[in-house]
N, C-alpha and C. Protein backbone atom coordinates (compact mmCIF):
# COMPACT_ATOMS: atom_id res chain seq x y z
N UNK A 1 -3.82 -7.09 -18.76
CA UNK A 1 -3.91 -8.50 -18.96
C UNK A 1 -4.96 -9.06 -17.99
N UNK A 2 -5.78 -9.96 -18.45
CA UNK A 2 -6.78 -10.62 -17.63
C UNK A 2 -6.45 -12.09 -17.48
N UNK A 3 -6.71 -12.61 -16.32
CA UNK A 3 -6.54 -14.03 -16.06
C UNK A 3 -7.73 -14.53 -15.27
N UNK A 4 -7.98 -15.80 -15.37
CA UNK A 4 -9.05 -16.41 -14.59
C UNK A 4 -8.46 -17.59 -13.85
N UNK A 5 -8.83 -17.69 -12.59
CA UNK A 5 -8.36 -18.81 -11.77
C UNK A 5 -9.56 -19.55 -11.21
N UNK A 6 -9.58 -20.83 -11.41
CA UNK A 6 -10.58 -21.68 -10.79
C UNK A 6 -9.88 -22.45 -9.69
N UNK A 7 -10.41 -22.36 -8.49
CA UNK A 7 -9.74 -22.99 -7.36
C UNK A 7 -10.75 -23.46 -6.34
N UNK A 8 -10.28 -24.20 -5.40
CA UNK A 8 -11.10 -24.57 -4.26
C UNK A 8 -10.26 -24.31 -3.02
N UNK A 9 -10.95 -24.14 -1.91
CA UNK A 9 -10.26 -23.88 -0.66
C UNK A 9 -11.04 -24.53 0.47
N UNK A 10 -10.36 -24.75 1.57
CA UNK A 10 -11.03 -25.33 2.73
C UNK A 10 -12.12 -24.41 3.26
N UNK A 11 -11.84 -23.11 3.27
CA UNK A 11 -12.81 -22.13 3.78
C UNK A 11 -12.75 -20.85 2.96
N UNK A 12 -13.84 -20.09 2.93
CA UNK A 12 -13.79 -18.78 2.25
C UNK A 12 -12.77 -17.84 2.89
N UNK A 13 -12.57 -17.96 4.21
CA UNK A 13 -11.60 -17.12 4.91
C UNK A 13 -10.19 -17.37 4.39
N UNK A 14 -9.86 -18.63 4.20
CA UNK A 14 -8.52 -18.98 3.71
C UNK A 14 -8.29 -18.39 2.32
N UNK A 15 -9.27 -18.57 1.42
CA UNK A 15 -9.11 -18.08 0.06
C UNK A 15 -9.08 -16.55 0.02
N UNK A 16 -9.92 -15.89 0.83
CA UNK A 16 -9.92 -14.43 0.87
C UNK A 16 -8.56 -13.90 1.30
N UNK A 17 -7.98 -14.51 2.32
CA UNK A 17 -6.66 -14.09 2.79
C UNK A 17 -5.61 -14.26 1.71
N UNK A 18 -5.64 -15.39 1.03
CA UNK A 18 -4.67 -15.64 -0.05
C UNK A 18 -4.83 -14.65 -1.19
N UNK A 19 -6.05 -14.35 -1.57
CA UNK A 19 -6.29 -13.38 -2.65
C UNK A 19 -5.76 -12.00 -2.28
N UNK A 20 -6.02 -11.57 -1.05
CA UNK A 20 -5.55 -10.25 -0.63
C UNK A 20 -4.03 -10.17 -0.60
N UNK A 21 -3.38 -11.28 -0.32
CA UNK A 21 -1.92 -11.29 -0.26
C UNK A 21 -1.28 -11.22 -1.65
N UNK A 22 -2.05 -11.42 -2.70
CA UNK A 22 -1.49 -11.32 -4.05
C UNK A 22 -0.99 -9.91 -4.37
N UNK A 23 -1.61 -8.91 -3.77
CA UNK A 23 -1.18 -7.54 -3.99
C UNK A 23 -1.58 -6.97 -5.34
N UNK A 24 -2.65 -7.49 -5.91
CA UNK A 24 -3.12 -6.98 -7.20
C UNK A 24 -4.64 -6.89 -7.19
N UNK A 25 -5.18 -6.20 -8.17
CA UNK A 25 -6.62 -6.08 -8.30
C UNK A 25 -7.20 -7.42 -8.74
N UNK A 26 -8.40 -7.72 -8.26
CA UNK A 26 -9.08 -8.93 -8.69
C UNK A 26 -10.59 -8.73 -8.55
N UNK A 27 -11.32 -9.58 -9.19
CA UNK A 27 -12.78 -9.53 -9.18
C UNK A 27 -13.30 -10.93 -8.83
N UNK A 28 -14.24 -10.99 -7.93
CA UNK A 28 -14.80 -12.26 -7.48
C UNK A 28 -16.10 -12.52 -8.24
N UNK A 29 -16.19 -13.68 -8.86
CA UNK A 29 -17.41 -14.09 -9.57
C UNK A 29 -18.19 -15.14 -8.78
N UNK A 30 -17.67 -15.60 -7.71
CA UNK A 30 -18.36 -16.56 -6.87
C UNK A 30 -17.33 -17.34 -6.06
N UNK A 31 -17.75 -17.98 -5.06
CA UNK A 31 -19.09 -18.07 -4.52
C UNK A 31 -19.44 -16.83 -3.69
N UNK A 32 -20.71 -16.63 -3.40
CA UNK A 32 -21.12 -15.45 -2.63
C UNK A 32 -20.46 -15.38 -1.25
N UNK A 33 -20.16 -16.54 -0.66
CA UNK A 33 -19.52 -16.55 0.66
C UNK A 33 -18.14 -15.91 0.62
N UNK A 34 -17.45 -16.05 -0.49
CA UNK A 34 -16.13 -15.43 -0.62
C UNK A 34 -16.27 -13.91 -0.68
N UNK A 35 -17.21 -13.43 -1.47
CA UNK A 35 -17.43 -11.99 -1.56
C UNK A 35 -17.83 -11.42 -0.20
N UNK A 36 -18.68 -12.13 0.53
CA UNK A 36 -19.10 -11.67 1.87
C UNK A 36 -17.91 -11.61 2.81
N UNK A 37 -17.06 -12.61 2.76
CA UNK A 37 -15.89 -12.62 3.64
C UNK A 37 -14.96 -11.47 3.31
N UNK A 38 -14.75 -11.18 2.03
CA UNK A 38 -13.89 -10.05 1.64
C UNK A 38 -14.48 -8.72 2.12
N UNK A 39 -15.80 -8.56 2.02
CA UNK A 39 -16.44 -7.34 2.53
C UNK A 39 -16.25 -7.21 4.04
N UNK A 40 -16.39 -8.31 4.76
CA UNK A 40 -16.15 -8.29 6.22
C UNK A 40 -14.72 -7.87 6.53
N UNK A 41 -13.77 -8.44 5.79
CA UNK A 41 -12.36 -8.11 6.03
C UNK A 41 -12.08 -6.65 5.70
N UNK A 42 -12.68 -6.15 4.63
CA UNK A 42 -12.47 -4.74 4.25
C UNK A 42 -13.02 -3.81 5.33
N UNK A 43 -14.19 -4.14 5.86
CA UNK A 43 -14.77 -3.31 6.91
C UNK A 43 -13.90 -3.33 8.15
N UNK A 44 -13.40 -4.49 8.52
CA UNK A 44 -12.53 -4.62 9.69
C UNK A 44 -11.24 -3.83 9.50
N UNK A 45 -10.67 -3.91 8.30
CA UNK A 45 -9.43 -3.16 8.02
C UNK A 45 -9.70 -1.65 8.06
N UNK A 46 -10.84 -1.24 7.53
CA UNK A 46 -11.19 0.18 7.58
C UNK A 46 -11.31 0.69 9.00
N UNK A 47 -11.95 -0.10 9.86
CA UNK A 47 -12.08 0.31 11.26
C UNK A 47 -10.71 0.36 11.94
N UNK A 48 -9.86 -0.61 11.64
CA UNK A 48 -8.52 -0.63 12.24
C UNK A 48 -7.70 0.59 11.82
N UNK A 49 -7.94 1.06 10.59
CA UNK A 49 -7.18 2.21 10.07
C UNK A 49 -7.82 3.53 10.47
N UNK A 50 -8.93 3.47 11.18
CA UNK A 50 -9.57 4.70 11.64
C UNK A 50 -10.53 5.30 10.64
N UNK A 51 -10.95 4.52 9.65
CA UNK A 51 -11.89 5.04 8.64
C UNK A 51 -13.31 5.03 9.18
């Protein structure tokens, strides 16, 4: 099943955190700042896990 959500947030960091807490797969279509923040968070999590 596919769904689309249009939303706004105070900051890309806030929205990235909320998306990750959903516990499901998702795809970001914009804005680019959100995708950048998610990549930063993924890199930080990888380093924390010893990757």
